C-alpha atoms as a PDB file:
ATOM      1  CA  MET A   1    -138.292  -0.469  19.077  1.00  0.00           C
ATOM      2  CA  PRO A   2    -135.343   0.527  16.852  1.00  0.00           C
ATOM      3  CA  TYR A   3    -133.784  -2.894  16.395  1.00  0.00           C
ATOM      4  CA  THR A   4    -133.981  -5.788  13.993  1.00  0.00           C
ATOM      5  CA  CYS A   5    -132.396  -8.819  15.635  1.00  0.00           C
ATOM      6  CA  SER A   6    -131.229 -12.290  14.717  1.00  0.00           C
ATOM      7  CA  VAL A   7    -130.639 -14.665  17.629  1.00  0.00           C
ATOM      8  CA  VAL A   8    -128.270 -17.543  16.887  1.00  0.00           C
ATOM      9  CA  VAL A   9    -128.216 -20.562  19.215  1.00  0.00           C
ATOM     10  CA  PRO A  10    -125.973 -23.599  18.664  1.00  0.00           C
ATOM     11  CA  VAL A  11    -127.866 -26.670  19.850  1.00  0.00           C
ATOM     12  CA  TYR A  12    -126.298 -29.822  21.239  1.00  0.00           C
ATOM     13  CA  ASN A  13    -128.389 -32.383  23.147  1.00  0.00           C
ATOM     14  CA  SER A  14    -130.832 -29.791  24.484  1.00  0.00           C
ATOM     15  CA  GLU A  15    -134.242 -31.191  23.669  1.00  0.00           C
ATOM     16  CA  SER A  16    -135.556 -30.378  27.149  1.00  0.00           C
ATOM     17  CA  THR A  17    -134.797 -26.638  27.090  1.00  0.00           C
ATOM     18  CA  LEU A  18    -135.584 -25.519  23.539  1.00  0.00           C
ATOM     19  CA  GLN A  19    -139.340 -25.085  24.015  1.00  0.00           C
ATOM     20  CA  GLU A  20    -138.915 -22.795  27.027  1.00  0.00           C
ATOM     21  CA  LEU A  21    -136.074 -20.938  25.310  1.00  0.00           C
ATOM     22  CA  ALA A  22    -138.261 -20.130  22.301  1.00  0.00           C
ATOM     23  CA  ALA A  23    -141.200 -19.036  24.465  1.00  0.00           C
ATOM     24  CA  ARG A  24    -139.075 -16.709  26.598  1.00  0.00           C
ATOM     25  CA  LEU A  25    -137.271 -15.312  23.578  1.00  0.00           C
ATOM     26  CA  GLU A  26    -140.573 -14.451  21.937  1.00  0.00           C
ATOM     27  CA  ILE A  27    -141.625 -12.380  24.948  1.00  0.00           C
ATOM     28  CA  ALA A  28    -138.251 -10.651  25.226  1.00  0.00           C
ATOM     29  CA  LEU A  29    -137.778  -9.941  21.523  1.00  0.00           C
ATOM     30  CA  LYS A  30    -141.281  -8.551  21.049  1.00  0.00           C
ATOM     31  CA  GLN A  31    -140.412  -5.825  23.535  1.00  0.00           C
ATOM     32  CA  LEU A  32    -137.040  -5.010  21.951  1.00  0.00           C
ATOM     33  CA  CYS A  33    -137.217  -5.564  18.206  1.00  0.00           C
ATOM     34  CA  TYR A  34    -139.723  -4.762  15.496  1.00  0.00           C
ATOM     35  CA  GLN A  35    -138.310  -7.616  13.395  1.00  0.00           C
ATOM     36  CA  TYR A  36    -136.585 -10.658  14.789  1.00  0.00           C
ATOM     37  CA  GLU A  37    -135.696 -14.277  14.133  1.00  0.00           C
ATOM     38  CA  LEU A  38    -134.252 -17.248  15.971  1.00  0.00           C
ATOM     39  CA  ILE A  39    -131.774 -19.511  14.191  1.00  0.00           C
ATOM     40  CA  LEU A  40    -131.307 -22.868  15.911  1.00  0.00           C
ATOM     41  CA  VAL A  41    -128.237 -24.699  14.594  1.00  0.00           C
ATOM     42  CA  ASN A  42    -128.318 -28.386  15.506  1.00  0.00           C
ATOM     43  CA  ASP A  43    -124.680 -29.402  15.901  1.00  0.00           C
ATOM     44  CA  GLY A  44    -124.950 -33.172  15.585  1.00  0.00           C
ATOM     45  CA  SER A  45    -127.097 -33.768  18.667  1.00  0.00           C
ATOM     46  CA  HIS A  46    -127.605 -37.373  19.785  1.00  0.00           C
ATOM     47  CA  ASP A  47    -130.998 -36.778  21.389  1.00  0.00           C
ATOM     48  CA  GLN A  48    -134.268 -35.523  19.878  1.00  0.00           C
ATOM     49  CA  SER A  49    -133.151 -31.908  19.540  1.00  0.00           C
ATOM     50  CA  TRP A  50    -133.680 -31.798  15.782  1.00  0.00           C
ATOM     51  CA  LYS A  51    -137.235 -33.113  16.108  1.00  0.00           C
ATOM     52  CA  VAL A  52    -137.953 -30.428  18.675  1.00  0.00           C
ATOM     53  CA  ILE A  53    -136.499 -27.803  16.329  1.00  0.00           C
ATOM     54  CA  LEU A  54    -138.729 -29.049  13.495  1.00  0.00           C
ATOM     55  CA  GLN A  55    -141.730 -28.722  15.765  1.00  0.00           C
ATOM     56  CA  LEU A  56    -140.721 -25.201  16.791  1.00  0.00           C
ATOM     57  CA  THR A  57    -140.435 -24.082  13.156  1.00  0.00           C
ATOM     58  CA  LYS A  58    -144.062 -25.142  12.718  1.00  0.00           C
ATOM     59  CA  GLU A  59    -145.197 -23.291  15.843  1.00  0.00           C
ATOM     60  CA  TYR A  60    -143.253 -20.075  15.236  1.00  0.00           C
ATOM     61  CA  SER A  61    -142.847 -18.438  11.848  1.00  0.00           C
ATOM     62  CA  TRP A  62    -139.756 -16.532  13.036  1.00  0.00           C
ATOM     63  CA  ILE A  63    -137.715 -19.641  13.848  1.00  0.00           C
ATOM     64  CA  THR A  64    -135.306 -21.256  11.381  1.00  0.00           C
ATOM     65  CA  GLY A  65    -133.710 -24.635  11.983  1.00  0.00           C
ATOM     66  CA  ILE A  66    -130.359 -25.628  10.485  1.00  0.00           C
ATOM     67  CA  ASN A  67    -129.232 -29.238  10.778  1.00  0.00           C
ATOM     68  CA  MET A  68    -125.505 -29.921  10.484  1.00  0.00           C
ATOM     69  CA  MET A  69    -124.301 -33.169   8.938  1.00  0.00           C
ATOM     70  CA  ARG A  70    -122.318 -33.986  12.102  1.00  0.00           C
ATOM     71  CA  ASN A  71    -120.902 -32.346  15.206  1.00  0.00           C
ATOM     72  CA  TYR A  72    -118.467 -29.590  14.187  1.00  0.00           C
ATOM     73  CA  GLY A  73    -118.154 -27.652  17.440  1.00  0.00           C
ATOM     74  CA  GLN A  74    -119.824 -24.679  19.079  1.00  0.00           C
ATOM     75  CA  HIS A  75    -117.977 -21.939  17.210  1.00  0.00           C
ATOM     76  CA  ASN A  76    -118.417 -23.672  13.841  1.00  0.00           C
ATOM     77  CA  ALA A  77    -122.159 -23.869  14.491  1.00  0.00           C
ATOM     78  CA  LEU A  78    -122.167 -20.204  15.502  1.00  0.00           C
ATOM     79  CA  LEU A  79    -120.381 -19.242  12.285  1.00  0.00           C
ATOM     80  CA  CYS A  80    -123.037 -21.120  10.306  1.00  0.00           C
ATOM     81  CA  GLY A  81    -125.845 -19.292  12.114  1.00  0.00           C
ATOM     82  CA  VAL A  82    -124.162 -15.892  11.840  1.00  0.00           C
ATOM     83  CA  ARG A  83    -123.860 -16.309   8.087  1.00  0.00           C
ATOM     84  CA  ALA A  84    -127.569 -17.129   7.906  1.00  0.00           C
ATOM     85  CA  ALA A  85    -128.642 -14.110   9.988  1.00  0.00           C
ATOM     86  CA  ARG A  86    -130.876 -11.596   8.161  1.00  0.00           C
ATOM     87  CA  TYR A  87    -131.101  -8.633  10.518  1.00  0.00           C
ATOM     88  CA  GLU A  88    -128.815  -5.792  11.593  1.00  0.00           C
ATOM     89  CA  ILE A  89    -128.008  -7.068  15.091  1.00  0.00           C
ATOM     90  CA  THR A  90    -126.916 -10.641  15.807  1.00  0.00           C
ATOM     91  CA  ILE A  91    -127.204 -12.074  19.312  1.00  0.00           C
ATOM     92  CA  THR A  92    -125.593 -15.375  20.268  1.00  0.00           C
ATOM     93  CA  MET A  93    -126.426 -17.373  23.375  1.00  0.00           C
ATOM     94  CA  ASP A  94    -126.301 -20.907  24.759  1.00  0.00           C
ATOM     95  CA  ASP A  95    -129.113 -23.429  24.508  1.00  0.00           C
ATOM     96  CA  ASP A  96    -129.266 -24.390  28.190  1.00  0.00           C
ATOM     97  CA  LEU A  97    -131.063 -21.252  29.515  1.00  0.00           C
ATOM     98  CA  GLN A  98    -128.005 -20.114  31.476  1.00  0.00           C
ATOM     99  CA  HIS A  99    -128.240 -16.942  29.401  1.00  0.00           C
ATOM    100  CA  PRO A 100    -131.669 -15.523  30.314  1.00  0.00           C
ATOM    101  CA  PRO A 101    -133.409 -13.999  27.257  1.00  0.00           C
ATOM    102  CA  GLU A 102    -134.587 -11.199  29.554  1.00  0.00           C
ATOM    103  CA  GLU A 103    -130.953  -9.971  29.781  1.00  0.00           C
ATOM    104  CA  ILE A 104    -130.700  -9.274  26.030  1.00  0.00           C
ATOM    105  CA  LYS A 105    -131.968  -5.743  26.572  1.00  0.00           C
ATOM    106  CA  PHE A 106    -128.809  -4.839  28.491  1.00  0.00           C
ATOM    107  CA  LEU A 107    -126.607  -5.990  25.608  1.00  0.00           C
ATOM    108  CA  LEU A 108    -128.606  -3.909  23.134  1.00  0.00           C
ATOM    109  CA  GLU A 109    -128.515  -0.844  25.364  1.00  0.00           C
ATOM    110  CA  LYS A 110    -124.727  -1.070  25.581  1.00  0.00           C
ATOM    111  CA  LEU A 111    -124.452  -1.671  21.842  1.00  0.00           C
ATOM    112  CA  ALA A 112    -126.437   1.526  21.250  1.00  0.00           C
ATOM    113  CA  GLU A 113    -123.644   3.508  22.929  1.00  0.00           C
ATOM    114  CA  GLY A 114    -121.568   3.064  19.783  1.00  0.00           C
ATOM    115  CA  TYR A 115    -119.902  -0.291  20.297  1.00  0.00           C
ATOM    116  CA  ASP A 116    -119.795  -3.015  17.662  1.00  0.00           C
ATOM    117  CA  VAL A 117    -119.556  -6.049  19.955  1.00  0.00           C
ATOM    118  CA  VAL A 118    -120.893  -6.366  23.500  1.00  0.00           C
ATOM    119  CA  TYR A 119    -120.345  -9.371  25.776  1.00  0.00           C
ATOM    120  CA  GLY A 120    -122.720 -10.216  28.580  1.00  0.00           C
ATOM    121  CA  VAL A 121    -120.497 -11.458  31.405  1.00  0.00           C
ATOM    122  CA  PRO A 122    -121.946 -13.174  34.493  1.00  0.00           C
ATOM    123  CA  LYS A 123    -122.053 -11.154  37.688  1.00  0.00           C
ATOM    124  CA  LYS A 124    -121.037 -14.300  39.544  1.00  0.00           C
ATOM    125  CA  LEU A 125    -118.989 -17.097  37.990  1.00  0.00           C
ATOM    126  CA  PRO A 126    -120.805 -20.440  38.312  1.00  0.00           C
ATOM    127  CA  HIS A 127    -117.929 -22.925  38.459  1.00  0.00           C
ATOM    128  CA  SER A 128    -115.258 -23.981  40.947  1.00  0.00           C
ATOM    129  CA  PHE A 129    -112.328 -21.704  41.820  1.00  0.00           C
ATOM    130  CA  TRP A 130    -109.788 -23.560  39.675  1.00  0.00           C
ATOM    131  CA  ARG A 131    -112.131 -23.874  36.705  1.00  0.00           C
ATOM    132  CA  ASN A 132    -112.966 -20.163  36.918  1.00  0.00           C
ATOM    133  CA  LEU A 133    -109.275 -19.269  37.222  1.00  0.00           C
ATOM    134  CA  PHE A 134    -108.251 -21.258  34.168  1.00  0.00           C
ATOM    135  CA  SER A 135    -111.247 -19.932  32.242  1.00  0.00           C
ATOM    136  CA  LYS A 136    -110.144 -16.381  33.048  1.00  0.00           C
ATOM    137  CA  ILE A 137    -106.608 -17.152  31.863  1.00  0.00           C
ATOM    138  CA  THR A 138    -107.938 -18.583  28.586  1.00  0.00           C
ATOM    139  CA  LYS A 139    -110.163 -15.553  28.029  1.00  0.00           C
ATOM    140  CA  ARG A 140    -107.266 -13.239  28.801  1.00  0.00           C
ATOM    141  CA  ILE A 141    -105.125 -15.002  26.196  1.00  0.00           C
ATOM    142  CA  LEU A 142    -107.981 -14.693  23.710  1.00  0.00           C
ATOM    143  CA  ALA A 143    -108.324 -10.963  24.390  1.00  0.00           C
ATOM    144  CA  LEU A 144    -104.610 -10.414  23.800  1.00  0.00           C
ATOM    145  CA  VAL A 145    -104.722 -12.398  20.548  1.00  0.00           C
ATOM    146  CA  MET A 146    -107.717 -10.321  19.445  1.00  0.00           C
ATOM    147  CA  GLY A 147    -105.799  -7.125  20.155  1.00  0.00           C
ATOM    148  CA  ILE A 148    -108.272  -5.867  22.769  1.00  0.00           C
ATOM    149  CA  PRO A 149    -106.358  -6.186  26.061  1.00  0.00           C
ATOM    150  CA  ASN A 150    -108.862  -3.897  27.812  1.00  0.00           C
ATOM    151  CA  ILE A 151    -111.511  -6.644  27.553  1.00  0.00           C
ATOM    152  CA  ARG A 152    -111.032  -9.168  30.353  1.00  0.00           C
ATOM    153  CA  ASP A 153    -114.228 -11.189  30.031  1.00  0.00           C
ATOM    154  CA  ILE A 154    -115.301 -12.889  26.822  1.00  0.00           C
ATOM    155  CA  GLY A 155    -118.207 -15.304  26.577  1.00  0.00           C
ATOM    156  CA  SER A 156    -120.787 -16.862  24.326  1.00  0.00           C
ATOM    157  CA  PHE A 157    -123.530 -14.395  25.326  1.00  0.00           C
ATOM    158  CA  ARG A 158    -122.842 -11.548  22.906  1.00  0.00           C
ATOM    159  CA  ALA A 159    -124.509  -9.012  20.640  1.00  0.00           C
ATOM    160  CA  PHE A 160    -122.806  -7.514  17.600  1.00  0.00           C
ATOM    161  CA  ARG A 161    -123.517  -5.722  14.358  1.00  0.00           C
ATOM    162  CA  THR A 162    -124.176  -8.292  11.652  1.00  0.00           C
ATOM    163  CA  ASN A 163    -122.182  -6.434   9.013  1.00  0.00           C
ATOM    164  CA  LEU A 164    -119.004  -7.460  10.859  1.00  0.00           C
ATOM    165  CA  ARG A 165    -119.266 -10.814   9.078  1.00  0.00           C
ATOM    166  CA  LYS A 166    -117.957  -9.088   5.930  1.00  0.00           C
ATOM    167  CA  ALA A 167    -114.519  -9.313   7.530  1.00  0.00           C
ATOM    168  CA  PHE A 168    -114.611 -13.120   7.472  1.00  0.00           C
ATOM    169  CA  GLU A 169    -117.075 -13.941   4.702  1.00  0.00           C
ATOM    170  CA  ASN A 170    -114.419 -15.979   2.832  1.00  0.00           C
ATOM    171  CA  TYR A 171    -113.053 -17.742   5.906  1.00  0.00           C
ATOM    172  CA  GLN A 172    -112.847 -21.500   5.425  1.00  0.00           C
ATOM    173  CA  SER A 173    -111.124 -23.563   8.091  1.00  0.00           C
ATOM    174  CA  PRO A 174    -112.256 -26.257  10.523  1.00  0.00           C
ATOM    175  CA  ASN A 175    -110.645 -24.296  13.380  1.00  0.00           C
ATOM    176  CA  VAL A 176    -113.055 -21.496  14.256  1.00  0.00           C
ATOM    177  CA  ILE A 177    -112.959 -18.964  17.090  1.00  0.00           C
ATOM    178  CA  LEU A 178    -115.817 -16.533  16.404  1.00  0.00           C
ATOM    179  CA  ASP A 179    -114.446 -13.867  18.746  1.00  0.00           C
ATOM    180  CA  VAL A 180    -111.186 -13.650  16.801  1.00  0.00           C
ATOM    181  CA  LEU A 181    -113.098 -13.419  13.521  1.00  0.00           C
ATOM    182  CA  LEU A 182    -115.154 -10.536  14.917  1.00  0.00           C
ATOM    183  CA  SER A 183    -111.948  -8.729  15.883  1.00  0.00           C
ATOM    184  CA  TRP A 184    -110.949  -8.726  12.208  1.00  0.00           C
ATOM    185  CA  GLY A 185    -113.752  -6.249  11.588  1.00  0.00           C
ATOM    186  CA  THR A 186    -113.663  -3.987  14.658  1.00  0.00           C
ATOM    187  CA  SER A 187    -111.837  -3.052  17.834  1.00  0.00           C
ATOM    188  CA  HIS A 188    -114.881  -1.490  19.515  1.00  0.00           C
ATOM    189  CA  PHE A 189    -115.679  -4.126  22.140  1.00  0.00           C
ATOM    190  CA  ALA A 190    -117.439  -3.731  25.476  1.00  0.00           C
ATOM    191  CA  THR A 191    -118.797  -5.855  28.310  1.00  0.00           C
ATOM    192  CA  ILE A 192    -121.862  -5.562  30.510  1.00  0.00           C
ATOM    193  CA  PRO A 193    -122.628  -7.539  33.707  1.00  0.00           C
ATOM    194  CA  VAL A 194    -125.684  -9.810  33.397  1.00  0.00           C
ATOM    195  CA  ASP A 195    -127.384 -12.442  35.491  1.00  0.00           C
ATOM    196  CA  GLN A 196    -126.571 -16.032  34.653  1.00  0.00           C
ATOM    197  CA  ALA A 197    -129.046 -18.737  35.596  1.00  0.00           C
ATOM    198  CA  PRO A 198    -127.997 -22.142  36.985  1.00  0.00           C
ATOM    199  CA  ARG A 199    -127.638 -24.885  34.408  1.00  0.00           C
ATOM    200  CA  GLN A 200    -130.952 -26.725  34.084  1.00  0.00           C
ATOM    201  CA  MET A 201    -129.648 -29.861  32.448  1.00  0.00           C
ATOM    202  CA  GLY A 202    -126.436 -31.708  31.724  1.00  0.00           C
ATOM    203  CA  HIS A 203    -123.011 -30.274  32.427  1.00  0.00           C
ATOM    204  CA  SER A 204    -120.528 -27.992  30.727  1.00  0.00           C
ATOM    205  CA  ASN A 205    -118.592 -29.523  27.832  1.00  0.00           C
ATOM    206  CA  TYR A 206    -115.644 -27.262  28.599  1.00  0.00           C
ATOM    207  CA  ASN A 207    -113.588 -29.268  31.091  1.00  0.00           C
ATOM    208  CA  PHE A 208    -109.906 -28.577  31.840  1.00  0.00           C
ATOM    209  CA  SER A 209    -108.739 -30.653  28.892  1.00  0.00           C
ATOM    210  CA  ARG A 210    -110.951 -28.811  26.420  1.00  0.00           C
ATOM    211  CA  LEU A 211    -110.012 -25.448  27.884  1.00  0.00           C
ATOM    212  CA  ILE A 212    -106.330 -26.269  27.358  1.00  0.00           C
ATOM    213  CA  THR A 213    -107.030 -27.414  23.795  1.00  0.00           C
ATOM    214  CA  HIS A 214    -109.022 -24.228  23.231  1.00  0.00           C
ATOM    215  CA  ALA A 215    -106.159 -22.080  24.515  1.00  0.00           C
ATOM    216  CA  ILE A 216    -103.627 -23.859  22.278  1.00  0.00           C
ATOM    217  CA  LEU A 217    -105.905 -23.392  19.273  1.00  0.00           C
ATOM    218  CA  ILE A 218    -106.230 -19.680  20.013  1.00  0.00           C
ATOM    219  CA  LEU A 219    -102.484 -19.229  20.308  1.00  0.00           C
ATOM    220  CA  THR A 220    -101.325 -21.351  17.375  1.00  0.00           C
ATOM    221  CA  GLY A 221    -104.291 -20.773  15.075  1.00  0.00           C
ATOM    222  CA  TYR A 222    -104.504 -16.993  15.230  1.00  0.00           C
ATOM    223  CA  SER A 223    -101.212 -15.724  16.695  1.00  0.00           C
ATOM    224  CA  THR A 224     -97.461 -15.936  16.133  1.00  0.00           C
ATOM    225  CA  ALA A 225     -96.738 -15.322  19.833  1.00  0.00           C
ATOM    226  CA  PRO A 226     -95.710 -18.964  20.538  1.00  0.00           C
ATOM    227  CA  LEU A 227     -93.155 -18.820  17.700  1.00  0.00           C
ATOM    228  CA  ARG A 228     -91.691 -15.679  19.188  1.00  0.00           C
ATOM    229  CA  LEU A 229     -91.659 -17.390  22.589  1.00  0.00           C
ATOM    230  CA  ALA A 230     -89.794 -20.349  21.059  1.00  0.00           C
ATOM    231  CA  SER A 231     -87.215 -17.953  19.584  1.00  0.00           C
ATOM    232  CA  MET A 232     -86.788 -16.209  22.936  1.00  0.00           C
ATOM    233  CA  VAL A 233     -86.456 -19.512  24.792  1.00  0.00           C
ATOM    234  CA  GLY A 234     -83.928 -20.742  22.250  1.00  0.00           C
ATOM    235  CA  PHE A 235     -81.886 -17.553  22.544  1.00  0.00           C
ATOM    236  CA  GLY A 236     -82.093 -17.608  26.336  1.00  0.00           C
ATOM    237  CA  PHE A 237     -80.810 -21.161  26.572  1.00  0.00           C
ATOM    238  CA  THR A 238     -78.059 -20.426  24.072  1.00  0.00           C
ATOM    239  CA  VAL A 239     -76.846 -17.710  26.423  1.00  0.00           C
ATOM    240  CA  PHE A 240     -77.278 -20.095  29.354  1.00  0.00           C
ATOM    241  CA  GLY A 241     -75.268 -22.764  27.539  1.00  0.00           C
ATOM    242  CA  PHE A 242     -72.482 -20.280  26.866  1.00  0.00           C
ATOM    243  CA  ILE A 243     -72.401 -19.341  30.568  1.00  0.00           C
ATOM    244  CA  ILE A 244     -72.197 -23.038  31.505  1.00  0.00           C
ATOM    245  CA  PHE A 245     -69.325 -23.476  29.051  1.00  0.00           C
ATOM    246  CA  ILE A 246     -67.439 -20.575  30.655  1.00  0.00           C
ATOM    247  CA  TYR A 247     -68.123 -22.117  34.080  1.00  0.00           C
ATOM    248  CA  VAL A 248     -66.769 -25.535  33.047  1.00  0.00           C
ATOM    249  CA  VAL A 249     -63.624 -24.078  31.458  1.00  0.00           C
ATOM    250  CA  SER A 250     -63.021 -21.828  34.461  1.00  0.00           C
ATOM    251  CA  THR A 251     -63.471 -24.758  36.841  1.00  0.00           C
ATOM    252  CA  TYR A 252     -60.974 -26.808  34.872  1.00  0.00           C
ATOM    253  CA  PHE A 253     -58.274 -24.115  34.950  1.00  0.00           C
ATOM    254  CA  PHE A 254     -58.777 -23.046  38.579  1.00  0.00           C
ATOM    255  CA  SER A 255     -59.473 -26.359  40.312  1.00  0.00           C
ATOM    256  CA  GLY A 256     -58.126 -28.845  37.817  1.00  0.00           C
ATOM    257  CA  SER A 257     -61.379 -30.858  37.638  1.00  0.00           C
ATOM    258  CA  ILE A 258     -64.723 -30.765  35.871  1.00  0.00           C
ATOM    259  CA  PRO A 259     -68.079 -31.571  37.566  1.00  0.00           C
ATOM    260  CA  GLY A 260     -69.073 -35.127  36.886  1.00  0.00           C
ATOM    261  CA  PHE A 261     -71.996 -37.087  35.552  1.00  0.00           C
ATOM    262  CA  PRO A 262     -74.872 -35.556  37.610  1.00  0.00           C
ATOM    263  CA  PHE A 263     -73.977 -32.107  36.338  1.00  0.00           C
ATOM    264  CA  LEU A 264     -73.739 -33.333  32.734  1.00  0.00           C
ATOM    265  CA  ALA A 265     -76.991 -35.306  32.961  1.00  0.00           C
ATOM    266  CA  SER A 266     -78.916 -32.337  34.329  1.00  0.00           C
ATOM    267  CA  ILE A 267     -77.656 -30.067  31.547  1.00  0.00           C
ATOM    268  CA  ILE A 268     -78.580 -32.627  28.863  1.00  0.00           C
ATOM    269  CA  ALA A 269     -82.051 -33.076  30.368  1.00  0.00           C
ATOM    270  CA  LEU A 270     -82.561 -29.316  30.521  1.00  0.00           C
ATOM    271  CA  PHE A 271     -81.590 -28.692  26.923  1.00  0.00           C
ATOM    272  CA  SER A 272     -83.429 -31.773  25.626  1.00  0.00           C
ATOM    273  CA  GLY A 273     -86.636 -30.626  27.317  1.00  0.00           C
ATOM    274  CA  THR A 274     -86.265 -27.162  25.814  1.00  0.00           C
ATOM    275  CA  GLN A 275     -85.730 -28.595  22.332  1.00  0.00           C
ATOM    276  CA  LEU A 276     -88.805 -30.804  22.629  1.00  0.00           C
ATOM    277  CA  PHE A 277     -90.854 -27.824  23.841  1.00  0.00           C
ATOM    278  CA  VAL A 278     -89.819 -25.720  20.846  1.00  0.00           C
ATOM    279  CA  ILE A 279     -90.367 -28.616  18.430  1.00  0.00           C
ATOM    280  CA  GLY A 280     -93.840 -29.079  19.931  1.00  0.00           C
ATOM    281  CA  ILE A 281     -94.697 -25.443  19.171  1.00  0.00           C
ATOM    282  CA  PHE A 282     -93.564 -25.889  15.573  1.00  0.00           C
ATOM    283  CA  GLY A 283     -95.635 -29.084  15.425  1.00  0.00           C
ATOM    284  CA  GLU A 284     -98.778 -27.220  16.476  1.00  0.00           C
ATOM    285  CA  TYR A 285     -98.292 -24.710  13.680  1.00  0.00           C
ATOM    286  CA  LEU A 286     -97.649 -27.488  11.167  1.00  0.00           C
ATOM    287  CA  ALA A 287    -100.901 -29.124  12.294  1.00  0.00           C
ATOM    288  CA  ARG A 288    -102.807 -25.880  11.630  1.00  0.00           C
ATOM    289  CA  ILE A 289    -101.170 -25.581   8.191  1.00  0.00           C
ATOM    290  CA  PHE A 290    -102.056 -29.208   7.457  1.00  0.00           C
ATOM    291  CA  ASP A 291    -105.697 -28.651   8.445  1.00  0.00           C
ATOM    292  CA  ARG A 292    -106.013 -25.634   6.177  1.00  0.00           C
ATOM    293  CA  SER A 293    -104.157 -27.277   3.281  1.00  0.00           C
ATOM    294  CA  MET A 294    -106.845 -29.989   3.128  1.00  0.00           C
ATOM    295  CA  ASP A 295    -109.426 -27.254   2.518  1.00  0.00           C
ATOM    296  CA  ARG A 296    -111.844 -28.810   5.004  1.00  0.00           C
ATOM    297  CA  PRO A 297    -114.985 -26.693   5.450  1.00  0.00           C
ATOM    298  CA  ALA A 298    -115.887 -25.166   8.793  1.00  0.00           C
ATOM    299  CA  TYR A 299    -119.248 -26.971   8.585  1.00  0.00           C
ATOM    300  CA  VAL A 300    -121.608 -28.721   6.187  1.00  0.00           C
ATOM    301  CA  ILE A 301    -125.370 -28.160   6.324  1.00  0.00           C
ATOM    302  CA  SER A 302    -127.663 -31.135   5.931  1.00  0.00           C
ATOM    303  CA  GLU A 303    -130.910 -29.153   5.720  1.00  0.00           C
ATOM    304  CA  THR A 304    -132.449 -25.809   6.586  1.00  0.00           C
ATOM    305  CA  VAL A 305    -136.056 -25.627   7.739  1.00  0.00           C
ATOM    306  CA  THR A 306    -138.411 -22.684   8.211  1.00  0.00           C
ATOM    307  CA  GLU A 307    -142.174 -22.582   8.624  1.00  0.00           C
ATOM    308  CA  THR A 308    -142.760 -22.581   4.894  1.00  0.00           C
ATOM    309  CA  SER A 309    -139.767 -24.235   3.268  1.00  0.00           C
ATOM    310  CA  THR A 310    -137.180 -26.959   3.523  1.00  0.00           C
ATOM    311  CA  LYS A 311    -133.817 -26.708   1.776  1.00  0.00           C
ATOM    312  CA  GLU A 312    -131.488 -29.655   1.375  1.00  0.00           C
END
């Protein structure tokens, strides 16, 4: 068993699955790692998740519980857990048992081939056609922003070398995308097909609205591509406007009349919409600058609990 592994799980309203998750992880990790730990990061749950985590830290010496002061978001909670990880390999997974602990071995086997980050992607996507399609588009955008266009599937079930966190050890911003941060330290990414179990409780928090917000954050928080798009759109419509001007002047000289109000109204609407689109892109970037200028932390820890200690 050549590995030492830290498993990081962000927890949000999952009191009913944590006990089984810990039990199955213990069986799986014993077979794969000679040292291991589980870090459960409670991200402002409204149910009894933190009480369950406290109980688990008493039952298992290898479990650490971290309680956030409020809900900061999945990736913020992951960043907190990754920074607390002690062992050479970090594995991240969801708290709802959709990522079977028994599949971790496939991630580690792929990692051993020389990669730094390995994603476990489901063999069969669990959602509706349109949700899966938009999810694929968002992941594709993320891959392009990360500079790894050969990776088409990115998910929360991943294994990576813990020393990659050196690349973002000083990162402080409320807008966190862990995958982008990992790409700051390596370009050696890979994927491996894994089984994904049906959701046992609740429903996915990533609806269409959140997926769109996530995509906008990826683009405006970690890429200048939208600014370049705005420049290209502006240049394109400048050329278009010049062509329209030539058309109007030519019409006046050859036919003695100029198209009337409908033509003028459509042109004004077209250019006004383009201006608002470009201004909106600038606004998104200003919002990111504003967030970072306030120096808001990515997360704040309320307490950390292990079997033997409690830290405020």
